[in-house]
Protein backbone atom coordinates (compact mmCIF):
# COMPACT_ATOMS: atom_id res chain seq x y z
CA MET A 1 44.48 -83.17 42.03
CA PHE A 2 46.57 -81.16 39.57
CA ARG A 3 44.05 -81.86 36.80
CA PHE A 4 41.25 -80.46 38.96
CA LEU A 5 43.19 -77.28 39.72
CA LYS A 6 44.03 -76.91 36.05
CA PHE A 7 40.34 -77.31 35.21
CA LEU A 8 39.42 -74.61 37.74
CA VAL A 9 41.99 -72.22 36.26
CA TYR A 10 40.62 -72.81 32.75
CA LEU A 11 37.06 -72.40 33.98
CA GLY A 12 37.93 -69.15 35.77
CA PHE A 13 39.62 -67.84 32.62
CA ILE A 14 36.59 -68.68 30.48
CA ILE A 15 34.27 -67.00 32.99
CA PHE A 16 36.53 -63.95 32.96
CA LEU A 17 36.34 -63.79 29.15
CA VAL A 18 32.56 -64.10 29.21
CA VAL A 19 32.20 -61.28 31.74
CA LEU A 20 34.67 -59.14 29.79
CA GLY A 21 32.74 -59.75 26.56
CA TYR A 22 29.44 -58.90 28.21
CA ALA A 23 30.92 -55.66 29.59
CA TYR A 24 32.30 -54.82 26.13
CA VAL A 25 28.96 -55.36 24.39
CA GLY A 26 27.34 -53.02 26.90
CA ASP A 27 23.67 -52.51 27.54
CA LEU A 28 21.56 -55.32 26.12
CA SER A 29 18.19 -53.97 27.25
CA PRO A 30 15.26 -54.45 24.87
CA ASP A 31 13.52 -51.62 23.03
CA LYS A 32 10.79 -49.98 25.09
CA ARG A 33 7.34 -49.37 23.68
CA THR A 34 3.89 -48.73 25.06
CA VAL A 35 1.39 -51.59 24.86
CA GLU A 36 -2.28 -50.75 25.24
CA THR A 37 -4.80 -53.57 25.58
CA PRO A 38 -8.50 -52.80 26.07
CA VAL A 39 -10.08 -54.61 29.04
CA THR A 40 -13.79 -55.13 29.49
CA ILE A 41 -15.01 -55.52 33.06
CA ASP A 42 -18.33 -57.27 33.62
CA VAL A 43 -19.91 -55.62 36.69
CA ARG A 44 -23.14 -57.11 37.97
């Protein structure tokens, strides 16, 4: 039982570090650009 609790503490610490690292890196949004694709519509 102690091993399981120890595992959970380690897992929680690793998750905390990952969240902290993600917050430190900041905004990871991709570059925005306009994409124009011509579309032909076949009307009968």
